[in-house]
Amino acid sequence: MNRVKEFRKEKKISQLELAKSIGVSRQTINMIENNKYNPTLELCINLARALDTDLNALFWESQLTDEDSED
């Protein structure tokens, strides 16, 4: 689970715009948003920078919250 789509929509940019800004295809962004592709660390960092956030917020905070609520 990740929050790429959520952050992208907050910035009001399309998948294509995000993809072009970090040098990947729109399909790659789509697959990441739909949890069908695990991006490299370098790609994760580029996504976080492009979306003005950090890796924790983009990829892990929602997982930590979900895991905490299961206790």
C-alpha atoms as a PDB file:
ATOM      1  CA  MET A   1       0.000   0.000   0.000  1.00  0.00           C
ATOM      2  CA  ASN A   2       1.249   3.454  -0.831  1.00  0.00           C
ATOM      3  CA  ARG A   3      -0.118   6.974  -1.020  1.00  0.00           C
ATOM      4  CA  VAL A   4       1.316   8.031  -4.405  1.00  0.00           C
ATOM      5  CA  LYS A   5      -2.127   8.584  -5.937  1.00  0.00           C
ATOM      6  CA  GLU A   6      -3.301  10.584  -2.919  1.00  0.00           C
ATOM      7  CA  PHE A   7      -0.262  12.887  -2.981  1.00  0.00           C
ATOM      8  CA  ARG A   8      -0.433  13.226  -6.781  1.00  0.00           C
ATOM      9  CA  LYS A   9      -4.090  14.256  -6.658  1.00  0.00           C
ATOM     10  CA  GLU A  10      -3.373  16.769  -3.872  1.00  0.00           C
ATOM     11  CA  LYS A  11      -0.835  18.402  -6.195  1.00  0.00           C
ATOM     12  CA  LYS A  12      -3.382  18.279  -9.043  1.00  0.00           C
ATOM     13  CA  ILE A  13      -1.044  16.591 -11.497  1.00  0.00           C
ATOM     14  CA  SER A  14      -1.751  13.729 -13.866  1.00  0.00           C
ATOM     15  CA  GLN A  15       0.021  10.401 -13.935  1.00  0.00           C
ATOM     16  CA  LEU A  16       1.692  11.523 -17.168  1.00  0.00           C
ATOM     17  CA  GLU A  17       2.951  14.779 -15.645  1.00  0.00           C
ATOM     18  CA  LEU A  18       4.381  12.937 -12.647  1.00  0.00           C
ATOM     19  CA  ALA A  19       5.941  10.304 -14.880  1.00  0.00           C
ATOM     20  CA  LYS A  20       7.608  12.890 -17.106  1.00  0.00           C
ATOM     21  CA  SER A  21       8.961  14.789 -14.103  1.00  0.00           C
ATOM     22  CA  ILE A  22      10.835  11.722 -12.838  1.00  0.00           C
ATOM     23  CA  GLY A  23      11.666  10.026 -16.136  1.00  0.00           C
ATOM     24  CA  VAL A  24       9.378   6.987 -16.162  1.00  0.00           C
ATOM     25  CA  SER A  25       6.309   5.979 -18.161  1.00  0.00           C
ATOM     26  CA  ARG A  26       2.739   6.799 -17.184  1.00  0.00           C
ATOM     27  CA  GLN A  27       2.137   3.045 -16.996  1.00  0.00           C
ATOM     28  CA  THR A  28       4.826   2.759 -14.313  1.00  0.00           C
ATOM     29  CA  ILE A  29       3.048   5.381 -12.197  1.00  0.00           C
ATOM     30  CA  ASN A  30      -0.247   3.562 -12.726  1.00  0.00           C
ATOM     31  CA  MET A  31       1.242   0.222 -11.660  1.00  0.00           C
ATOM     32  CA  ILE A  32       2.825   1.783  -8.550  1.00  0.00           C
ATOM     33  CA  GLU A  33      -0.462   3.429  -7.568  1.00  0.00           C
ATOM     34  CA  ASN A  34      -2.263   0.099  -7.989  1.00  0.00           C
ATOM     35  CA  ASN A  35       0.373  -1.869  -6.049  1.00  0.00           C
ATOM     36  CA  LYS A  36       1.320  -3.941  -9.082  1.00  0.00           C
ATOM     37  CA  TYR A  37       4.931  -2.792  -9.184  1.00  0.00           C
ATOM     38  CA  ASN A  38       7.501  -2.379  -6.432  1.00  0.00           C
ATOM     39  CA  PRO A  39       9.643   0.633  -7.312  1.00  0.00           C
ATOM     40  CA  THR A  40      13.351   0.768  -6.649  1.00  0.00           C
ATOM     41  CA  LEU A  41      14.621   2.874  -3.774  1.00  0.00           C
ATOM     42  CA  GLU A  42      15.868   5.456  -6.282  1.00  0.00           C
ATOM     43  CA  LEU A  43      12.417   5.665  -7.881  1.00  0.00           C
ATOM     44  CA  CYS A  44      10.785   5.966  -4.439  1.00  0.00           C
ATOM     45  CA  ILE A  45      13.083   8.868  -3.587  1.00  0.00           C
ATOM     46  CA  ASN A  46      12.320  10.560  -6.914  1.00  0.00           C
ATOM     47  CA  LEU A  47       8.588  10.137  -6.343  1.00  0.00           C
ATOM     48  CA  ALA A  48       8.829  11.598  -2.847  1.00  0.00           C
ATOM     49  CA  ARG A  49      10.797  14.588  -4.120  1.00  0.00           C
ATOM     50  CA  ALA A  50       8.398  15.183  -7.018  1.00  0.00           C
ATOM     51  CA  LEU A  51       5.441  15.017  -4.642  1.00  0.00           C
ATOM     52  CA  ASP A  52       7.081  17.266  -2.015  1.00  0.00           C
ATOM     53  CA  THR A  53       6.980  14.664   0.721  1.00  0.00           C
ATOM     54  CA  ASP A  54       9.206  12.029   2.297  1.00  0.00           C
ATOM     55  CA  LEU A  55       9.438   8.261   1.995  1.00  0.00           C
ATOM     56  CA  ASN A  56       7.724   7.627   5.328  1.00  0.00           C
ATOM     57  CA  ALA A  57       4.637   9.612   4.411  1.00  0.00           C
ATOM     58  CA  LEU A  58       4.501   8.205   0.905  1.00  0.00           C
ATOM     59  CA  PHE A  59       5.046   4.521   1.614  1.00  0.00           C
ATOM     60  CA  TRP A  60       4.952   3.611   5.300  1.00  0.00           C
ATOM     61  CA  GLU A  61       2.903   5.882   7.575  1.00  0.00           C
ATOM     62  CA  SER A  62      -0.461   4.478   6.500  1.00  0.00           C
ATOM     63  CA  GLN A  63       0.858   0.922   7.002  1.00  0.00           C
ATOM     64  CA  LEU A  64       2.028   1.752  10.514  1.00  0.00           C
ATOM     65  CA  THR A  65      -1.350   3.266  11.356  1.00  0.00           C
ATOM     66  CA  ASP A  66      -3.170   0.224   9.962  1.00  0.00           C
ATOM     67  CA  GLU A  67      -0.964  -2.171  11.906  1.00  0.00           C
ATOM     68  CA  ASP A  68      -1.398  -0.194  15.134  1.00  0.00           C
ATOM     69  CA  SER A  69      -5.192  -0.311  14.847  1.00  0.00           C
ATOM     70  CA  GLU A  70      -5.169  -4.115  14.581  1.00  0.00           C
ATOM     71  CA  ASP A  71      -3.890  -4.524  18.154  1.00  0.00           C
END
